N, C-alpha and C. Protein backbone atom coordinates (compact mmCIF):
# COMPACT_ATOMS: atom_id res chain seq x y z
N MET A 1 59.49 -115.02 -91.04
CA MET A 1 60.36 -116.07 -90.10
C MET A 1 61.37 -116.62 -91.35
N MET A 2 62.79 -116.60 -91.09
CA MET A 2 63.53 -117.24 -92.00
C MET A 2 63.87 -118.69 -91.61
N SER A 3 63.96 -119.56 -92.63
CA SER A 3 64.05 -120.87 -92.37
C SER A 3 65.72 -121.31 -92.38
N GLU A 4 66.21 -122.37 -91.91
CA GLU A 4 67.34 -122.74 -92.00
C GLU A 4 67.85 -123.03 -93.23
N PRO A 5 69.02 -122.87 -93.63
CA PRO A 5 69.59 -123.08 -95.17
C PRO A 5 69.79 -124.43 -95.34
N ALA A 6 69.76 -124.93 -96.57
CA ALA A 6 69.92 -126.24 -96.77
C ALA A 6 71.23 -127.03 -96.59
N PRO A 7 71.68 -127.98 -96.09
CA PRO A 7 72.98 -128.53 -95.80
C PRO A 7 73.80 -128.47 -96.89
N GLY A 8 74.93 -128.07 -96.86
CA GLY A 8 75.93 -127.86 -97.95
C GLY A 8 75.78 -126.69 -98.53
N ILE A 9 74.82 -125.91 -98.55
CA ILE A 9 74.77 -124.55 -99.26
C ILE A 9 75.36 -123.54 -98.51
N ALA A 10 76.58 -122.90 -98.96
CA ALA A 10 76.90 -121.74 -98.46
C ALA A 10 76.35 -120.40 -99.13
N TRP A 11 75.84 -119.34 -98.46
CA TRP A 11 75.44 -118.12 -98.69
C TRP A 11 76.47 -117.03 -98.82
N THR A 12 76.92 -116.43 -99.93
CA THR A 12 77.83 -115.32 -99.58
C THR A 12 77.46 -114.13 -100.10
N SER A 13 77.87 -113.04 -99.82
CA SER A 13 77.64 -111.74 -100.44
C SER A 13 78.54 -110.94 -101.01
N ALA A 14 78.47 -110.06 -102.24
CA ALA A 14 79.77 -109.44 -102.80
C ALA A 14 79.30 -107.97 -102.89
N LYS A 15 78.65 -107.62 -101.66
CA LYS A 15 78.22 -106.30 -101.24
C LYS A 15 79.28 -105.23 -101.58
N GLY A 16 79.25 -104.10 -102.40
CA GLY A 16 80.33 -103.35 -102.51
C GLY A 16 81.18 -103.64 -103.75
N SER A 17 81.26 -104.91 -104.07
CA SER A 17 82.10 -105.25 -105.05
C SER A 17 82.45 -104.54 -106.34
N PHE A 18 81.22 -104.14 -106.91
CA PHE A 18 80.99 -103.36 -107.97
C PHE A 18 80.79 -101.86 -107.65
N ALA A 19 80.79 -101.41 -106.48
CA ALA A 19 80.81 -100.15 -106.26
C ALA A 19 81.60 -99.02 -106.75
N ARG A 20 82.82 -99.29 -106.95
CA ARG A 20 83.87 -98.28 -107.73
C ARG A 20 83.36 -98.43 -109.26
N PRO A 21 83.34 -99.41 -109.78
CA PRO A 21 83.17 -99.49 -111.41
C PRO A 21 81.76 -98.77 -111.73
N VAL A 22 80.91 -98.90 -110.94
CA VAL A 22 79.56 -98.18 -111.10
C VAL A 22 79.62 -96.74 -111.21
N ALA A 23 80.30 -96.48 -109.72
CA ALA A 23 80.42 -94.99 -109.61
C ALA A 23 81.24 -94.41 -110.79
N GLU A 24 82.41 -95.11 -111.26
CA GLU A 24 83.09 -94.37 -112.21
C GLU A 24 82.32 -94.28 -113.52
N HIS A 25 81.29 -95.33 -113.97
CA HIS A 25 80.70 -95.26 -115.03
C HIS A 25 79.64 -94.17 -114.94
N ALA A 26 79.07 -93.98 -113.84
CA ALA A 26 78.08 -92.83 -113.53
C ALA A 26 78.72 -91.37 -113.76
N LEU A 27 80.03 -91.31 -113.29
CA LEU A 27 80.74 -90.21 -113.35
C LEU A 27 81.10 -89.85 -114.67
N ALA A 28 81.54 -90.79 -115.62
CA ALA A 28 81.74 -90.51 -117.11
C ALA A 28 80.35 -90.47 -117.89
N LEU A 29 79.26 -90.99 -117.64
CA LEU A 29 78.13 -90.50 -118.22
C LEU A 29 77.65 -89.03 -118.20
N THR A 30 77.87 -88.67 -116.49
CA THR A 30 77.71 -87.36 -116.19
C THR A 30 78.58 -86.27 -116.98
N LEU A 31 79.78 -86.73 -117.08
CA LEU A 31 80.70 -85.73 -117.69
C LEU A 31 80.39 -85.73 -119.25
N ALA A 32 79.93 -86.62 -119.75
CA ALA A 32 79.75 -86.85 -121.21
C ALA A 32 78.26 -85.96 -121.68
N THR A 33 77.50 -85.99 -120.57
CA THR A 33 76.31 -85.19 -120.88
C THR A 33 76.63 -83.71 -120.79
N LEU A 34 77.40 -83.57 -119.70
CA LEU A 34 77.71 -82.05 -119.52
C LEU A 34 78.46 -81.41 -120.64
N ARG A 35 79.38 -82.18 -121.38
CA ARG A 35 80.21 -81.89 -122.32
C ARG A 35 79.52 -80.86 -123.43
N HIS A 36 78.50 -81.32 -124.01
CA HIS A 36 77.82 -80.59 -124.84
C HIS A 36 76.53 -79.70 -124.30
N LEU A 37 76.39 -79.74 -123.08
CA LEU A 37 75.26 -78.98 -122.46
C LEU A 37 75.03 -77.64 -122.69
N PRO A 38 75.96 -76.87 -122.61
CA PRO A 38 75.95 -75.42 -122.94
C PRO A 38 75.33 -75.02 -124.29
N GLU A 39 76.00 -75.79 -125.35
CA GLU A 39 75.71 -75.47 -126.84
C GLU A 39 74.16 -76.08 -127.04
N ARG A 40 73.80 -77.23 -126.34
CA ARG A 40 72.52 -77.67 -126.77
C ARG A 40 71.40 -77.02 -125.96
N ALA A 41 71.88 -76.18 -125.06
CA ALA A 41 70.55 -75.46 -124.26
C ALA A 41 70.48 -74.09 -125.00
N ARG A 42 71.44 -73.86 -126.01
CA ARG A 42 71.21 -72.38 -126.72
C ARG A 42 70.59 -72.67 -128.03
N VAL A 43 70.26 -73.99 -128.50
CA VAL A 43 69.80 -74.08 -129.88
C VAL A 43 68.39 -73.75 -129.79
N ASP A 44 67.79 -73.43 -130.94
CA ASP A 44 66.27 -73.37 -131.02
C ASP A 44 65.44 -74.48 -131.32
N ALA A 45 66.10 -75.42 -132.13
CA ALA A 45 65.28 -76.72 -132.47
C ALA A 45 66.55 -77.75 -132.40
N ILE A 46 65.88 -78.99 -132.20
CA ILE A 46 66.99 -80.04 -132.13
C ILE A 46 66.82 -80.77 -133.56
N VAL A 47 68.04 -81.03 -134.22
CA VAL A 47 67.75 -81.43 -135.53
C VAL A 47 68.66 -82.91 -135.38
N ASP A 48 68.00 -83.85 -136.05
CA ASP A 48 68.56 -85.32 -136.10
C ASP A 48 69.63 -85.41 -137.29
N PRO A 49 70.90 -85.31 -137.19
CA PRO A 49 71.73 -85.44 -138.49
C PRO A 49 71.65 -86.48 -139.36
N VAL A 50 70.71 -87.57 -138.95
CA VAL A 50 70.54 -88.78 -139.78
C VAL A 50 69.11 -88.57 -140.40
N ALA A 51 68.23 -88.30 -139.87
CA ALA A 51 66.80 -88.13 -140.37
C ALA A 51 66.67 -86.91 -140.97
N GLY A 52 67.64 -85.81 -140.74
CA GLY A 52 67.35 -84.40 -141.45
C GLY A 52 66.03 -83.60 -140.90
N TYR A 53 65.68 -84.08 -139.68
CA TYR A 53 64.67 -83.09 -139.20
C TYR A 53 64.94 -82.88 -137.83
């Protein structure tokens, strides 16, 4: 059961206000991942250039 809001308090919603930036970021991450996917799928071992193994 919902209670009545306190007097003087206005509740607002920003639903969808960040939808486009979040979608753009998700697309950028997907494209960045797919950029090197074919060459990484063909390697025999994963080598960390910093650690050397």
